[in-house]
Protein backbone atom coordinates (compact mmCIF):
# COMPACT_ATOMS: atom_id res chain seq x y z
CA MET A 1 -50.39 -56.71 46.21
CA LYS A 2 -47.25 -58.80 46.40
CA THR A 3 -44.11 -58.27 44.32
CA SER A 4 -41.98 -61.02 42.83
CA PRO A 5 -39.12 -59.78 40.64
CA SER A 6 -37.83 -62.32 38.13
CA LEU A 7 -34.34 -63.79 38.24
CA LEU A 8 -34.35 -63.49 34.43
CA SER A 9 -33.62 -59.79 34.91
CA ALA A 10 -30.38 -60.59 36.75
CA ASP A 11 -26.83 -60.59 35.41
CA PHE A 12 -26.20 -64.31 34.95
CA SER A 13 -22.44 -63.80 34.81
CA ASN A 14 -22.60 -62.68 38.45
CA LEU A 15 -25.86 -63.38 40.30
CA GLN A 16 -24.63 -62.48 43.78
CA PRO A 17 -25.09 -58.66 43.58
CA ASP A 18 -28.59 -59.03 42.16
CA LEU A 19 -29.55 -61.58 44.84
CA GLU A 20 -28.21 -59.25 47.53
CA MET A 21 -30.30 -56.42 46.06
CA ILE A 22 -33.43 -58.63 46.10
CA ASN A 23 -32.68 -59.75 49.67
CA ALA A 24 -32.42 -56.12 50.81
CA SER A 25 -35.50 -55.02 48.89
CA ALA A 26 -39.18 -54.88 49.85
CA ALA A 27 -39.94 -57.64 47.33
CA ASP A 28 -42.09 -60.42 48.73
CA TYR A 29 -40.71 -63.27 46.59
CA LEU A 30 -38.09 -64.12 44.00
CA HIS A 31 -39.71 -65.32 40.77
CA LEU A 32 -37.89 -68.12 38.97
CA ASP A 33 -38.97 -68.54 35.32
CA VAL A 34 -38.03 -72.06 34.25
CA MET A 35 -38.24 -72.69 30.49
CA ASP A 36 -37.42 -75.97 28.77
CA GLY A 37 -37.23 -75.08 25.07
CA VAL A 38 -40.18 -77.43 24.40
CA PHE A 39 -43.26 -75.90 26.04
CA VAL A 40 -41.83 -72.47 25.21
CA PRO A 41 -39.11 -71.79 22.63
CA ASN A 42 -36.57 -70.38 25.11
CA ILE A 43 -34.39 -72.21 27.62
CA SER A 44 -33.64 -70.48 30.91
CA PHE A 45 -32.09 -72.50 33.75
CA GLY A 46 -32.69 -75.64 35.73
CA PHE A 47 -32.38 -77.09 39.19
CA PRO A 48 -28.61 -76.63 39.64
CA VAL A 49 -29.00 -72.85 39.24
CA MET A 50 -32.18 -72.78 41.35
CA LYS A 51 -30.45 -74.71 44.16
CA ALA A 52 -27.56 -72.25 44.15
CA VAL A 53 -29.97 -69.30 44.17
CA ALA A 54 -32.02 -70.83 47.00
CA LYS A 55 -28.88 -71.02 49.18
CA HIS A 56 -28.29 -67.28 48.89
CA CYS A 57 -31.80 -65.84 48.60
CA THR A 58 -33.65 -64.91 51.78
CA LYS A 59 -36.94 -64.29 49.95
CA PRO A 60 -39.44 -67.10 49.43
CA LEU A 61 -39.20 -68.65 45.99
CA ASP A 62 -42.00 -68.33 43.44
CA VAL A 63 -41.24 -71.01 40.80
CA HIS A 64 -42.99 -70.64 37.44
CA LEU A 65 -42.54 -73.76 35.32
CA MET A 66 -42.97 -73.14 31.60
CA ILE A 67 -42.19 -76.77 30.80
CA VAL A 68 -43.87 -79.94 29.62
CA GLU A 69 -45.00 -82.30 32.37
CA PRO A 70 -44.42 -79.91 35.28
CA ASP A 71 -46.01 -82.42 37.66
CA LYS A 72 -42.85 -84.56 37.43
CA TRP A 73 -40.95 -81.83 39.28
CA ILE A 74 -43.23 -81.11 42.27
CA GLY A 75 -40.92 -82.87 44.72
CA GLN A 76 -37.80 -81.10 43.50
CA VAL A 77 -39.51 -77.70 43.58
CA ARG A 78 -40.65 -78.42 47.14
CA ASP A 79 -37.12 -79.51 48.08
CA LEU A 80 -35.84 -76.10 46.93
CA GLY A 81 -38.00 -74.60 49.65
CA ALA A 82 -40.32 -72.90 47.17
CA GLU A 83 -43.42 -71.31 48.62
CA ILE A 84 -45.24 -71.10 45.28
CA MET A 85 -45.21 -73.45 42.30
CA CYS A 86 -46.96 -72.16 39.21
CA VAL A 87 -47.79 -74.43 36.26
CA HIS A 88 -49.35 -73.73 32.90
CA GLN A 89 -52.84 -75.01 32.36
CA GLU A 90 -51.86 -75.96 28.80
CA ALA A 91 -49.02 -78.20 30.08
CA CYS A 92 -51.17 -80.22 32.49
CA THR A 93 -53.41 -83.02 31.27
CA HIS A 94 -54.96 -83.31 34.74
CA LEU A 95 -54.67 -79.79 36.15
CA HIS A 96 -56.81 -80.40 39.25
CA SER A 97 -54.62 -83.34 40.23
CA VAL A 98 -51.45 -81.29 39.74
CA VAL A 99 -52.82 -78.42 41.86
CA GLN A 100 -53.81 -80.89 44.60
CA ARG A 101 -50.35 -82.48 44.54
CA ILE A 102 -48.68 -79.06 44.79
CA HIS A 103 -50.84 -78.29 47.84
CA GLN A 104 -50.08 -81.71 49.35
CA ALA A 105 -46.38 -80.93 48.93
CA GLY A 106 -46.92 -77.86 51.15
CA MET A 107 -46.76 -75.16 48.50
CA LYS A 108 -49.20 -72.62 47.12
CA ALA A 109 -50.39 -73.57 43.64
CA GLY A 110 -50.40 -71.10 40.79
CA VAL A 111 -52.03 -71.60 37.41
CA ALA A 112 -50.76 -69.69 34.38
CA ILE A 113 -52.41 -69.31 31.00
CA ASN A 114 -50.89 -68.34 27.67
CA PRO A 115 -52.25 -65.46 25.57
CA ALA A 116 -54.25 -67.70 23.23
CA THR A 117 -55.97 -69.55 26.09
CA PRO A 118 -59.41 -68.13 26.90
CA VAL A 119 -59.76 -67.00 30.50
CA ASN A 120 -63.02 -68.92 30.77
CA THR A 121 -61.01 -72.16 30.76
CA LEU A 122 -60.05 -71.29 34.35
CA VAL A 123 -63.62 -71.51 35.66
CA ASP A 124 -63.18 -75.02 37.09
CA ILE A 125 -59.79 -74.38 38.74
CA VAL A 126 -59.98 -70.79 39.92
CA GLU A 127 -61.27 -71.67 43.39
CA ASP A 128 -58.48 -74.22 43.96
CA ALA A 129 -55.60 -72.07 42.72
CA ASP A 130 -53.82 -69.70 45.10
CA LEU A 131 -52.53 -67.61 42.22
CA ILE A 132 -53.56 -66.88 38.65
CA LEU A 133 -50.87 -65.70 36.24
CA VAL A 134 -51.95 -64.27 32.87
CA MET A 135 -49.30 -64.16 30.16
CA ARG A 136 -49.22 -61.95 27.07
CA ASP A 137 -46.56 -62.30 24.37
CA GLY A 138 -44.19 -63.98 26.80
CA ASP A 139 -44.64 -61.37 29.51
CA ILE A 140 -46.71 -61.55 32.67
CA VAL A 141 -49.70 -59.26 32.33
CA GLU A 142 -51.30 -59.69 35.73
CA GLN A 143 -50.70 -61.93 38.71
CA GLY A 144 -52.68 -62.40 41.90
CA THR A 145 -55.53 -64.37 43.36
CA HIS A 146 -58.71 -64.57 41.35
CA ASP A 147 -60.47 -62.13 43.70
CA GLN A 148 -57.56 -59.65 43.68
CA LEU A 149 -57.50 -59.65 39.90
CA LEU A 150 -61.24 -59.12 39.64
CA ASP A 151 -61.19 -56.34 42.26
CA ALA A 152 -58.30 -54.55 40.53
CA GLY A 153 -60.05 -54.43 37.19
CA GLY A 154 -57.83 -54.39 34.11
CA PHE A 155 -57.02 -57.07 31.57
CA TYR A 156 -57.98 -60.19 33.56
CA ALA A 157 -61.17 -58.69 34.98
CA ASP A 158 -62.28 -57.44 31.57
CA LEU A 159 -61.67 -60.82 29.96
CA TYR A 160 -63.19 -62.76 32.84
CA ASN A 161 -66.27 -60.58 33.01
CA SER A 162 -66.80 -60.63 29.25
CA GLN A 163 -66.48 -64.42 29.14
CA PHE A 164 -68.50 -65.13 32.31
CA GLU A 165 -71.20 -62.47 32.25
CA ASP A 166 -73.74 -65.07 33.30
CA VAL A 167 -71.51 -66.34 36.15
CA VAL A 168 -70.14 -63.11 37.65
CA GLU A 169 -72.46 -61.25 40.02
């Protein structure tokens, strides 16, 4: 299991000590939650902050875009040096195309779903995604590959198995 603490937990009046703590930690990634105030009601930060963070963070970046039209930003996320770009299924008209473009840009592609979105809507993308992120009430419930989440049991596995009883062996 990989860990990816969120920058949202940092002290935004002075990010340096929190970035140094992350750099010295056993964390695998730094998770950047980008919110636009349209797709989700909150606004977090944008590319100027992410560029500054990328200069000082030694961990690979895990960028989670909670925004409308996330496909417009694939190039800029890649240019940050992000290893993972995660988009919401609900924000992508052509999710397969977006996942392919993220891969073509040299990043791992994550797909997130909101609490009201049935897990069974992932059936056509789960094999192409490197990461599945399940949200609940604005918080991440579970994150990992499809197989890791099924093997671990819990929320995702219960939902997946209940919605795909005829598909899951």
